[in-house]
Amino acid sequence: MSKKNRLQETFFEELRKVPIVLVACEKSGISRNSVYRWKREDKKFAIKMGEALAEGEALVNDMSESQLLTLIKEKNWSAISFWLRHRNPKFKEKIEITSKI
């Protein structure tokens, strides 16, 4: 495996942990310019980068939902309200439009 390939794999690993390109670049020792050039010029790299970002975002979403559920169990009203507004159709914010014809 070439040095470039090793660097790219390290970058993908970091991106799966924290789905922020700048952070993954810093942790893997690659410049953002190189990453975006590779993304532009190498379709396989672009696909792998997208997959790594998606995996990282899924991880953060799972952690966030876990923390939200913890807050709900602790009777945190903001967390309860957020959950209901986004997960229960009865509590979604609604806009009512009336007009005269």
N, C-alpha and C. Protein backbone atom coordinates (compact mmCIF):
# COMPACT_ATOMS: atom_id res chain seq x y z
N MET A 1 0.85 -1.18 0.00
CA MET A 1 0.00 0.00 0.00
C MET A 1 0.90 1.25 0.00
N SER A 2 0.60 2.18 -0.86
CA SER A 2 1.41 3.40 -0.97
C SER A 2 1.15 4.33 0.23
N LYS A 3 2.05 5.27 0.41
CA LYS A 3 1.90 6.24 1.49
C LYS A 3 0.60 7.03 1.32
N LYS A 4 0.29 7.40 0.09
CA LYS A 4 -0.94 8.15 -0.19
C LYS A 4 -2.16 7.33 0.22
N ASN A 5 -2.17 6.05 -0.14
CA ASN A 5 -3.31 5.19 0.22
C ASN A 5 -3.44 5.05 1.73
N ARG A 6 -2.31 4.92 2.43
CA ARG A 6 -2.34 4.82 3.90
C ARG A 6 -2.91 6.10 4.51
N LEU A 7 -2.46 7.24 3.99
CA LEU A 7 -2.96 8.52 4.48
C LEU A 7 -4.47 8.65 4.24
N GLN A 8 -4.90 8.23 3.06
CA GLN A 8 -6.33 8.30 2.74
C GLN A 8 -7.13 7.41 3.67
N GLU A 9 -6.65 6.20 3.93
CA GLU A 9 -7.36 5.28 4.83
C GLU A 9 -7.43 5.85 6.25
N THR A 10 -6.34 6.46 6.70
CA THR A 10 -6.34 7.11 8.02
C THR A 10 -7.35 8.24 8.05
N PHE A 11 -7.42 9.01 6.97
CA PHE A 11 -8.38 10.09 6.86
C PHE A 11 -9.82 9.54 6.96
N PHE A 12 -10.11 8.46 6.24
CA PHE A 12 -11.45 7.86 6.28
C PHE A 12 -11.79 7.37 7.69
N GLU A 13 -10.81 6.76 8.37
CA GLU A 13 -11.03 6.29 9.74
C GLU A 13 -11.40 7.45 10.66
N GLU A 14 -10.68 8.54 10.54
CA GLU A 14 -10.96 9.72 11.37
C GLU A 14 -12.31 10.32 11.03
N LEU A 15 -12.65 10.34 9.76
CA LEU A 15 -13.94 10.90 9.32
C LEU A 15 -15.11 10.07 9.86
N ARG A 16 -14.90 8.76 10.00
CA ARG A 16 -15.95 7.90 10.57
C ARG A 16 -16.16 8.19 12.05
N LYS A 17 -15.10 8.64 12.74
CA LYS A 17 -15.20 8.95 14.17
C LYS A 17 -15.82 10.32 14.40
N VAL A 18 -15.36 11.30 13.63
CA VAL A 18 -15.86 12.68 13.74
C VAL A 18 -16.09 13.18 12.32
N PRO A 19 -17.35 13.30 11.90
CA PRO A 19 -17.65 13.64 10.51
C PRO A 19 -17.46 15.12 10.17
N ILE A 20 -16.25 15.62 10.45
CA ILE A 20 -15.89 17.00 10.13
C ILE A 20 -14.58 16.92 9.36
N VAL A 21 -14.59 17.36 8.12
CA VAL A 21 -13.42 17.23 7.25
C VAL A 21 -12.18 17.87 7.86
N LEU A 22 -12.30 19.06 8.40
CA LEU A 22 -11.14 19.75 8.97
C LEU A 22 -10.52 18.94 10.11
N VAL A 23 -11.35 18.38 10.98
CA VAL A 23 -10.84 17.58 12.11
C VAL A 23 -10.15 16.32 11.59
N ALA A 24 -10.77 15.64 10.63
CA ALA A 24 -10.17 14.43 10.06
C ALA A 24 -8.85 14.75 9.38
N CYS A 25 -8.77 15.90 8.72
CA CYS A 25 -7.52 16.31 8.08
C CYS A 25 -6.43 16.53 9.13
N GLU A 26 -6.76 17.25 10.19
CA GLU A 26 -5.78 17.53 11.24
C GLU A 26 -5.28 16.24 11.89
N LYS A 27 -6.20 15.33 12.18
CA LYS A 27 -5.83 14.08 12.86
C LYS A 27 -5.03 13.14 11.96
N SER A 28 -5.24 13.23 10.65
CA SER A 28 -4.53 12.33 9.73
C SER A 28 -3.32 12.99 9.07
N GLY A 29 -3.12 14.29 9.32
CA GLY A 29 -1.95 14.98 8.78
C GLY A 29 -2.05 15.28 7.29
N ILE A 30 -3.28 15.48 6.81
CA ILE A 30 -3.50 15.78 5.38
C ILE A 30 -4.11 17.17 5.28
N SER A 31 -3.70 17.93 4.27
CA SER A 31 -4.28 19.25 4.09
C SER A 31 -5.67 19.14 3.48
N ARG A 32 -6.51 20.12 3.80
CA ARG A 32 -7.87 20.15 3.21
C ARG A 32 -7.78 20.27 1.70
N ASN A 33 -6.79 21.03 1.22
CA ASN A 33 -6.64 21.19 -0.23
C ASN A 33 -6.42 19.84 -0.91
N SER A 34 -5.58 19.00 -0.29
CA SER A 34 -5.32 17.67 -0.87
C SER A 34 -6.60 16.85 -0.89
N VAL A 35 -7.34 16.87 0.22
CA VAL A 35 -8.57 16.08 0.30
C VAL A 35 -9.55 16.51 -0.78
N TYR A 36 -9.76 17.81 -0.91
CA TYR A 36 -10.74 18.27 -1.91
C TYR A 36 -10.24 18.08 -3.34
N ARG A 37 -8.92 18.11 -3.54
CA ARG A 37 -8.37 17.81 -4.87
C ARG A 37 -8.61 16.33 -5.19
N TRP A 38 -8.31 15.45 -4.23
CA TRP A 38 -8.54 14.02 -4.44
C TRP A 38 -10.02 13.75 -4.71
N LYS A 39 -10.86 14.45 -3.97
CA LYS A 39 -12.31 14.26 -4.16
C LYS A 39 -12.73 14.65 -5.58
N ARG A 40 -12.16 15.74 -6.06
CA ARG A 40 -12.47 16.24 -7.41
C ARG A 40 -11.94 15.31 -8.49
N GLU A 41 -10.73 14.80 -8.28
CA GLU A 41 -10.03 14.07 -9.34
C GLU A 41 -10.22 12.56 -9.29
N ASP A 42 -10.65 12.03 -8.14
CA ASP A 42 -10.71 10.57 -7.95
C ASP A 42 -12.11 10.16 -7.50
N LYS A 43 -12.85 9.58 -8.43
CA LYS A 43 -14.24 9.21 -8.14
C LYS A 43 -14.35 8.20 -6.98
N LYS A 44 -13.42 7.23 -6.93
CA LYS A 44 -13.43 6.24 -5.85
C LYS A 44 -13.19 6.90 -4.49
N PHE A 45 -12.26 7.85 -4.47
CA PHE A 45 -12.00 8.58 -3.23
C PHE A 45 -13.26 9.34 -2.80
N ALA A 46 -13.91 10.00 -3.75
CA ALA A 46 -15.12 10.77 -3.45
C ALA A 46 -16.20 9.87 -2.87
N ILE A 47 -16.36 8.69 -3.43
CA ILE A 47 -17.37 7.74 -2.94
C ILE A 47 -17.02 7.29 -1.52
N LYS A 48 -15.76 6.91 -1.31
CA LYS A 48 -15.33 6.47 0.03
C LYS A 48 -15.47 7.60 1.05
N MET A 49 -15.18 8.82 0.64
CA MET A 49 -15.31 9.96 1.54
C MET A 49 -16.78 10.15 1.92
N GLY A 50 -17.67 10.06 0.95
CA GLY A 50 -19.09 10.18 1.23
C GLY A 50 -19.59 9.10 2.18
N GLU A 51 -19.11 7.88 1.97
CA GLU A 51 -19.50 6.76 2.85
C GLU A 51 -18.98 6.97 4.27
N ALA A 52 -17.73 7.43 4.39
CA ALA A 52 -17.14 7.67 5.71
C ALA A 52 -17.89 8.78 6.44
N LEU A 53 -18.23 9.85 5.71
CA LEU A 53 -19.01 10.94 6.30
C LEU A 53 -20.36 10.44 6.79
N ALA A 54 -21.03 9.63 5.98
CA ALA A 54 -22.34 9.10 6.35
C ALA A 54 -22.24 8.22 7.60
N GLU A 55 -21.20 7.39 7.68
CA GLU A 55 -20.99 6.54 8.87
C GLU A 55 -20.75 7.40 10.11
N GLY A 56 -19.94 8.44 9.95
CA GLY A 56 -19.66 9.34 11.08
C GLY A 56 -20.90 10.07 11.54
N GLU A 57 -21.70 10.54 10.58
CA GLU A 57 -22.94 11.24 10.93
C GLU A 57 -23.91 10.30 11.63
N ALA A 58 -23.99 9.05 11.19
CA ALA A 58 -24.87 8.07 11.84
C ALA A 58 -24.41 7.84 13.28
N LEU A 59 -23.11 7.77 13.50
CA LEU A 59 -22.58 7.59 14.85
C LEU A 59 -22.97 8.76 15.75
N VAL A 60 -22.78 9.98 15.26
CA VAL A 60 -23.11 11.17 16.04
C VAL A 60 -24.62 11.23 16.29
N ASN A 61 -25.42 10.86 15.29
CA ASN A 61 -26.88 10.84 15.49
C ASN A 61 -27.27 9.85 16.59
N ASP A 62 -26.66 8.67 16.59
CA ASP A 62 -26.95 7.67 17.62
C ASP A 62 -26.57 8.20 19.00
N MET A 63 -25.40 8.81 19.11
CA MET A 63 -24.96 9.35 20.39
C MET A 63 -25.90 10.46 20.85
N SER A 64 -26.32 11.31 19.91
CA SER A 64 -27.21 12.42 20.25
C SER A 64 -28.57 11.93 20.73
N GLU A 65 -29.12 10.93 20.04
CA GLU A 65 -30.40 10.38 20.47
C GLU A 65 -30.27 9.74 21.85
N SER A 66 -29.18 9.08 22.10
CA SER A 66 -28.95 8.47 23.40
C SER A 66 -28.93 9.54 24.50
N GLN A 67 -28.23 10.64 24.24
CA GLN A 67 -28.17 11.73 25.22
C GLN A 67 -29.54 12.38 25.40
N LEU A 68 -30.29 12.52 24.31
CA LEU A 68 -31.62 13.10 24.38
C LEU A 68 -32.53 12.22 25.25
N LEU A 69 -32.46 10.91 25.06
CA LEU A 69 -33.27 9.99 25.87
C LEU A 69 -32.88 10.07 27.35
N THR A 70 -31.60 10.23 27.62
CA THR A 70 -31.15 10.40 29.01
C THR A 70 -31.78 11.65 29.62
N LEU A 71 -31.78 12.74 28.86
CA LEU A 71 -32.38 13.98 29.36
C LEU A 71 -33.88 13.83 29.57
N ILE A 72 -34.54 13.11 28.68
CA ILE A 72 -35.98 12.87 28.84
C ILE A 72 -36.24 12.09 30.13
N LYS A 73 -35.43 11.06 30.39
CA LYS A 73 -35.58 10.27 31.62
C LYS A 73 -35.37 11.13 32.86
N GLU A 74 -34.54 12.18 32.73
CA GLU A 74 -34.28 13.09 33.84
C GLU A 74 -35.34 14.19 33.94
N LYS A 75 -36.39 14.08 33.13
CA LYS A 75 -37.52 15.02 33.12
C LYS A 75 -37.12 16.43 32.68
N ASN A 76 -36.19 16.51 31.74
CA ASN A 76 -35.78 17.80 31.19
C ASN A 76 -36.84 18.24 30.18
N TRP A 77 -37.55 19.34 30.50
CA TRP A 77 -38.68 19.76 29.68
C TRP A 77 -38.27 20.09 28.25
N SER A 78 -37.14 20.74 28.05
CA SER A 78 -36.71 21.08 26.68
C SER A 78 -36.52 19.83 25.84
N ALA A 79 -35.93 18.79 26.43
CA ALA A 79 -35.72 17.54 25.71
C ALA A 79 -37.05 16.87 25.40
N ILE A 80 -37.95 16.86 26.37
CA ILE A 80 -39.27 16.26 26.16
C ILE A 80 -40.00 16.98 25.04
N SER A 81 -40.00 18.30 25.08
CA SER A 81 -40.67 19.11 24.07
C SER A 81 -40.08 18.87 22.69
N PHE A 82 -38.74 18.85 22.62
CA PHE A 82 -38.07 18.62 21.34
C PHE A 82 -38.49 17.27 20.75
N TRP A 83 -38.44 16.23 21.58
CA TRP A 83 -38.81 14.89 21.12
C TRP A 83 -40.25 14.89 20.58
N LEU A 84 -41.17 15.43 21.35
CA LEU A 84 -42.58 15.40 20.94
C LEU A 84 -42.81 16.20 19.66
N ARG A 85 -42.20 17.39 19.56
CA ARG A 85 -42.39 18.21 18.36
C ARG A 85 -41.84 17.57 17.10
N HIS A 86 -40.79 16.75 17.26
CA HIS A 86 -40.15 16.16 16.08
C HIS A 86 -40.53 14.71 15.82
N ARG A 87 -41.14 14.03 16.78
CA ARG A 87 -41.44 12.61 16.63
C ARG A 87 -42.92 12.26 16.73
N ASN A 88 -43.74 13.19 17.22
CA ASN A 88 -45.14 12.88 17.42
C ASN A 88 -45.99 13.87 16.62
N PRO A 89 -46.77 13.39 15.65
CA PRO A 89 -47.55 14.29 14.79
C PRO A 89 -48.52 15.18 15.56
N LYS A 90 -49.00 14.73 16.71
CA LYS A 90 -49.94 15.54 17.49
C LYS A 90 -49.30 16.82 18.01
N PHE A 91 -47.98 16.82 18.17
CA PHE A 91 -47.30 17.95 18.78
C PHE A 91 -46.47 18.77 17.80
N LYS A 92 -46.54 18.43 16.52
CA LYS A 92 -45.78 19.20 15.54
C LYS A 92 -46.34 20.62 15.45
N GLU A 93 -45.44 21.55 15.20
CA GLU A 93 -45.89 22.92 15.04
C GLU A 93 -46.67 23.03 13.74
N LYS A 94 -47.80 23.72 13.82
CA LYS A 94 -48.68 23.83 12.65
C LYS A 94 -48.91 25.30 12.33
N ILE A 95 -49.12 25.56 11.07
CA ILE A 95 -49.46 26.89 10.61
C ILE A 95 -50.87 26.83 10.06
N GLU A 96 -51.70 27.74 10.54
CA GLU A 96 -53.07 27.77 10.02
C GLU A 96 -53.20 29.00 9.14
N ILE A 97 -53.74 28.76 7.94
CA ILE A 97 -53.93 29.85 6.99
C ILE A 97 -55.44 30.01 6.75
N THR A 98 -55.90 31.23 6.94
CA THR A 98 -57.32 31.51 6.67
C THR A 98 -57.40 32.64 5.67
N SER A 99 -58.43 32.63 4.88
CA SER A 99 -58.61 33.72 3.92
C SER A 99 -60.10 33.90 3.65
N LYS A 100 -60.43 35.06 3.15
CA LYS A 100 -61.80 35.36 2.77
C LYS A 100 -61.87 35.41 1.26
N ILE A 101 -62.89 34.78 0.72
CA ILE A 101 -63.04 34.78 -0.73
C ILE A 101 -64.15 35.71 -1.12
